Amino acid sequence: MKRRVKFPKGQRDSGLTLIEVIVTLTVMGLIVVILFSAFRLGLSAWDRGETVKEEDQKVRVLSELLSKQIKSAFPYRVRTEKAEGDYLAFEGRSQSLKFVSSLPMKRNRSEGFVYTLYQYEENGTEGGRLLFYEERALRKGFFEEELKREKAEILIEGISKFSFEYYQEEDSSKNQMGEWFQEWDGREKKELPKAIRVNLSLRGRGGETSFSLLLPISAYQFEQIRIPSMIRRTLPRGGP
């Protein structure tokens, strides 16, 4: 004879039904998806922040380099045996700049004037790049040489827009107005520009970063200094 087990009142309904299990798993799945999405969003934001930080660091380093060397531009006269005579060593174009600076940027350079060249060139879909070349201003005809690509260094890449501009100071005695030029030839102007403006836009993962750098030049005019003749003094000779 079989015995029937009697459950206390309410105990038979204490278990979870299939529908309740499905609902619980669904809710837990949604929570996991939301947490994972939030984690991915936070990781992506952190990655973009690091990228922007890195690009800003590149811009700061480039700005510091250009500021120090261009501000130290010197009105250096190149001696030549040609009929045109000596000329001022400065040639500024929209996307290149040649000049002589009193501040060498390479650590292995000793003190003295250096011939410096900045040149922008296109680099396909990856954006353009700014090249830098520097050497001591010692050899004759150094300013006539073109960029030596095997010795040039890449300052920054991923450039979408780049240009130099040159400011001419207002001078009523010469009947000239203060204005910006796309080019500046030291042979014709007989002086350096009063200031140089660098316009640059970088293409990066964080978007496009644009900035404009204004660099005044202190020694923009060449002044010939004449040293007056010294009167020699005859020192008395020692002796009895």
Protein backbone atom coordinates (compact mmCIF):
# COMPACT_ATOMS: atom_id res chain seq x y z
CA MET A 1 0.00 0.00 0.00
CA LYS A 2 1.48 3.34 -1.11
CA ARG A 3 1.76 6.21 1.31
CA ARG A 4 1.07 9.71 0.16
CA VAL A 5 3.46 12.46 1.27
CA LYS A 6 1.66 15.51 2.42
CA PHE A 7 3.44 18.90 2.02
CA PRO A 8 2.82 21.65 4.49
CA LYS A 9 0.57 24.39 3.32
CA GLY A 10 2.46 26.87 1.01
CA GLN A 11 5.57 24.68 0.55
CA ARG A 12 4.42 23.38 -2.84
CA ASP A 13 4.53 26.96 -4.30
CA SER A 14 8.00 27.88 -2.98
CA GLY A 15 9.95 26.80 -6.13
CA LEU A 16 10.65 28.90 -9.30
CA THR A 17 8.63 28.28 -12.39
CA LEU A 18 10.20 28.08 -15.88
CA ILE A 19 8.90 31.52 -16.78
CA GLU A 20 10.49 33.05 -13.67
CA VAL A 21 13.83 31.42 -14.50
CA ILE A 22 13.70 32.78 -18.06
CA VAL A 23 12.82 36.28 -16.84
CA THR A 24 15.65 36.20 -14.27
CA LEU A 25 18.21 35.10 -16.86
CA THR A 26 16.99 37.76 -19.30
CA VAL A 27 17.35 40.51 -16.70
CA MET A 28 20.82 39.28 -15.74
CA GLY A 29 21.79 39.20 -19.42
CA LEU A 30 20.62 42.79 -19.89
CA ILE A 31 22.63 43.89 -16.86
CA VAL A 32 25.75 42.19 -18.24
CA VAL A 33 25.26 43.83 -21.65
CA ILE A 34 24.81 47.27 -20.05
CA LEU A 35 27.92 46.84 -17.89
CA PHE A 36 29.99 45.64 -20.86
CA SER A 37 28.77 48.54 -23.01
CA ALA A 38 29.66 51.02 -20.26
CA PHE A 39 33.11 49.43 -19.94
CA ARG A 40 33.70 49.64 -23.70
CA LEU A 41 32.52 53.25 -23.74
CA GLY A 42 34.85 54.16 -20.89
CA LEU A 43 37.78 52.35 -22.54
CA SER A 44 37.11 54.09 -25.85
CA ALA A 45 36.92 57.50 -24.13
CA TRP A 46 40.20 56.79 -22.34
CA ASP A 47 41.85 55.74 -25.62
CA ARG A 48 40.66 58.93 -27.36
CA GLY A 49 41.88 60.99 -24.43
CA GLU A 50 45.33 59.41 -24.61
CA THR A 51 45.44 60.00 -28.38
CA VAL A 52 44.49 63.66 -28.01
CA LYS A 53 47.04 64.01 -25.21
CA GLU A 54 49.75 62.54 -27.42
CA GLU A 55 48.84 64.82 -30.33
CA ASP A 56 48.82 67.87 -28.04
CA GLN A 57 52.26 66.87 -26.79
CA LYS A 58 53.55 66.74 -30.38
CA VAL A 59 52.12 70.20 -31.06
CA ARG A 60 53.74 71.63 -27.91
CA VAL A 61 57.14 70.16 -28.78
CA LEU A 62 56.91 71.44 -32.35
CA SER A 63 55.80 74.89 -31.19
CA GLU A 64 58.70 75.12 -28.75
CA LEU A 65 61.20 74.07 -31.41
CA LEU A 66 59.95 76.54 -34.01
CA SER A 67 59.63 79.34 -31.47
CA LYS A 68 63.18 79.08 -30.15
CA GLN A 69 64.93 78.77 -33.49
CA ILE A 70 62.91 81.18 -35.62
CA LYS A 71 63.01 83.85 -32.91
CA SER A 72 66.80 83.47 -33.00
CA ALA A 73 66.98 84.15 -36.75
CA PHE A 74 69.94 86.38 -37.60
CA PRO A 75 70.41 88.77 -40.56
CA TYR A 76 73.43 86.88 -41.82
CA ARG A 77 75.12 88.17 -44.96
CA VAL A 78 76.48 85.61 -47.39
CA ARG A 79 79.67 86.63 -49.14
CA THR A 80 79.76 85.86 -52.84
CA GLU A 81 82.10 86.58 -55.72
CA LYS A 82 79.22 87.01 -58.14
CA ALA A 83 78.32 90.37 -59.63
CA GLU A 84 75.22 90.64 -57.47
CA GLY A 85 77.38 90.99 -54.38
CA ASP A 86 76.67 89.93 -50.82
CA TYR A 87 73.08 89.17 -49.87
CA LEU A 88 70.94 88.51 -46.82
CA ALA A 89 70.56 84.77 -46.08
CA PHE A 90 66.78 84.45 -45.81
CA GLU A 91 64.36 82.78 -48.22
CA GLY A 92 60.79 82.32 -47.10
CA ARG A 93 58.15 80.53 -49.16
CA SER A 94 54.64 79.42 -48.34
CA GLN A 95 55.75 75.87 -47.51
CA SER A 96 59.49 76.22 -46.91
CA LEU A 97 61.82 78.43 -44.92
CA LYS A 98 65.61 78.89 -45.21
CA PHE A 99 67.50 81.13 -42.79
CA VAL A 100 70.49 81.40 -40.49
CA SER A 101 69.92 81.10 -36.76
CA SER A 102 72.14 81.75 -33.76
CA LEU A 103 70.53 78.82 -31.93
CA PRO A 104 71.45 75.28 -33.06
CA MET A 105 68.77 72.74 -32.12
CA LYS A 106 70.91 69.61 -32.35
CA ARG A 107 72.73 68.84 -29.13
CA ASN A 108 75.94 67.83 -30.85
CA ARG A 109 76.26 71.26 -32.45
CA SER A 110 78.72 73.67 -30.93
CA GLU A 111 77.82 77.33 -30.51
CA GLY A 112 77.73 79.44 -33.65
CA PHE A 113 75.51 80.27 -36.59
CA VAL A 114 73.63 77.40 -38.25
CA TYR A 115 71.95 77.16 -41.63
CA THR A 116 68.39 75.94 -41.02
CA LEU A 117 65.77 74.69 -43.45
CA TYR A 118 62.14 73.75 -42.78
CA GLN A 119 60.22 72.19 -45.65
CA TYR A 120 56.70 70.80 -45.90
CA GLU A 121 55.96 67.99 -48.34
CA GLU A 122 52.91 65.91 -49.18
CA ASN A 123 52.88 62.25 -48.17
CA GLY A 124 49.83 60.74 -49.85
CA THR A 125 46.68 59.84 -47.93
CA GLU A 126 48.56 59.82 -44.61
CA GLY A 127 48.91 63.59 -44.72
CA GLY A 128 51.96 65.77 -45.18
CA ARG A 129 55.07 66.04 -43.03
CA LEU A 130 57.45 68.79 -41.96
CA LEU A 131 61.15 68.14 -42.62
CA PHE A 132 64.02 69.79 -40.76
CA TYR A 133 67.65 70.19 -41.81
CA GLU A 134 70.50 71.98 -40.04
CA GLU A 135 74.25 72.45 -40.52
CA ARG A 136 76.95 74.90 -39.51
CA ALA A 137 77.05 78.06 -41.64
CA LEU A 138 80.72 77.77 -42.52
CA ARG A 139 81.15 76.63 -46.11
CA LYS A 140 80.91 78.98 -49.06
CA GLY A 141 77.70 78.64 -51.02
CA PHE A 142 75.92 76.78 -48.22
CA PHE A 143 72.77 78.85 -48.70
CA GLU A 144 72.45 77.85 -52.36
CA GLU A 145 72.13 74.15 -51.54
CA GLU A 146 68.82 72.33 -51.59
CA LEU A 147 67.46 70.07 -48.87
CA LYS A 148 69.60 66.98 -48.29
CA ARG A 149 66.85 64.42 -47.74
CA GLU A 150 69.21 61.72 -46.48
CA LYS A 151 70.23 64.03 -43.63
CA ALA A 152 66.83 65.63 -43.00
CA GLU A 153 64.70 64.76 -40.00
CA ILE A 154 60.91 64.43 -39.83
CA LEU A 155 59.56 66.80 -37.19
CA ILE A 156 55.89 65.84 -37.43
CA GLU A 157 53.59 63.87 -39.73
CA GLY A 158 49.87 63.71 -40.46
CA ILE A 159 49.61 67.36 -41.53
CA SER A 160 46.51 68.33 -43.48
CA LYS A 161 47.32 72.04 -43.91
CA PHE A 162 50.56 73.98 -43.54
CA SER A 163 51.87 77.43 -44.47
CA PHE A 164 54.36 80.13 -43.48
CA GLU A 165 53.50 83.84 -43.56
CA TYR A 166 55.84 86.83 -43.22
CA TYR A 167 55.02 90.20 -41.70
CA GLN A 168 56.35 93.50 -43.03
CA GLU A 169 56.41 96.26 -40.44
CA GLU A 170 54.80 99.59 -41.26
CA ASP A 171 57.36 102.26 -42.16
CA SER A 172 56.13 105.71 -43.17
CA SER A 173 59.62 106.79 -44.28
CA LYS A 174 59.60 104.04 -46.91
CA ASN A 175 55.90 104.50 -47.67
CA GLN A 176 55.17 100.88 -46.79
CA MET A 177 52.22 99.46 -44.88
CA GLY A 178 52.21 96.69 -42.31
CA GLU A 179 50.97 93.52 -44.03
CA TRP A 180 51.48 89.75 -44.32
CA PHE A 181 53.17 88.12 -47.33
CA GLN A 182 53.25 84.53 -48.58
CA GLU A 183 56.89 84.88 -49.64
CA TRP A 184 59.92 86.84 -48.45
CA ASP A 185 63.24 87.11 -50.30
CA GLY A 186 66.11 88.54 -48.26
CA ARG A 187 67.98 89.56 -51.42
CA GLU A 188 65.20 91.93 -52.42
CA LYS A 189 63.91 93.05 -49.02
CA LYS A 190 67.40 93.64 -47.56
CA GLU A 191 66.04 92.71 -44.14
CA LEU A 192 64.25 89.92 -42.30
CA PRO A 193 60.49 89.98 -41.72
CA LYS A 194 59.41 91.50 -38.43
CA ALA A 195 57.49 88.31 -37.57
CA ILE A 196 56.66 84.88 -38.98
CA ARG A 197 53.33 83.10 -38.63
CA VAL A 198 53.06 79.31 -38.84
CA ASN A 199 49.63 77.89 -39.72
CA LEU A 200 49.25 74.16 -39.18
CA SER A 201 46.45 71.58 -39.03
CA LEU A 202 47.03 68.01 -37.86
CA ARG A 203 44.88 65.03 -38.81
CA GLY A 204 44.55 62.54 -35.94
CA ARG A 205 42.26 59.97 -34.34
CA GLY A 206 40.89 62.65 -32.03
CA GLY A 207 39.88 64.81 -35.00
CA GLU A 208 41.66 67.70 -36.67
CA THR A 209 43.77 70.01 -34.51
CA SER A 210 44.61 73.48 -35.87
CA PHE A 211 46.80 76.18 -34.43
CA SER A 212 48.59 79.36 -35.50
CA LEU A 213 51.97 80.31 -34.08
CA LEU A 214 53.12 83.96 -34.17
CA LEU A 215 56.89 84.38 -33.84
CA PRO A 216 58.47 87.87 -33.68
CA ILE A 217 62.06 88.32 -34.85
CA SER A 218 64.17 90.76 -32.86
CA ALA A 219 67.28 91.03 -35.05
CA TYR A 220 65.43 91.59 -38.31
CA GLN A 221 67.66 94.35 -39.68
CA PHE A 222 71.34 94.15 -40.50
CA GLU A 223 73.35 96.86 -38.82
CA GLN A 224 76.98 97.33 -39.65
CA ILE A 225 78.93 98.18 -36.53
CA ARG A 226 82.07 100.22 -36.97
CA ILE A 227 84.67 99.98 -34.25
CA PRO A 228 86.61 103.23 -33.73
CA SER A 229 90.35 102.99 -33.97
CA MET A 230 92.05 102.44 -30.65
CA ILE A 231 94.94 104.58 -29.48
CA ARG A 232 97.76 102.36 -28.49
CA ARG A 233 99.50 103.18 -25.28
CA THR A 234 103.20 102.57 -25.00
CA LEU A 235 103.95 100.81 -21.78
CA PRO A 236 107.22 101.66 -20.09
CA ARG A 237 109.71 98.87 -20.24
CA GLY A 238 110.95 97.43 -17.04
CA GLY A 239 114.58 97.79 -16.16
CA PRO A 240 117.01 99.71 -14.06
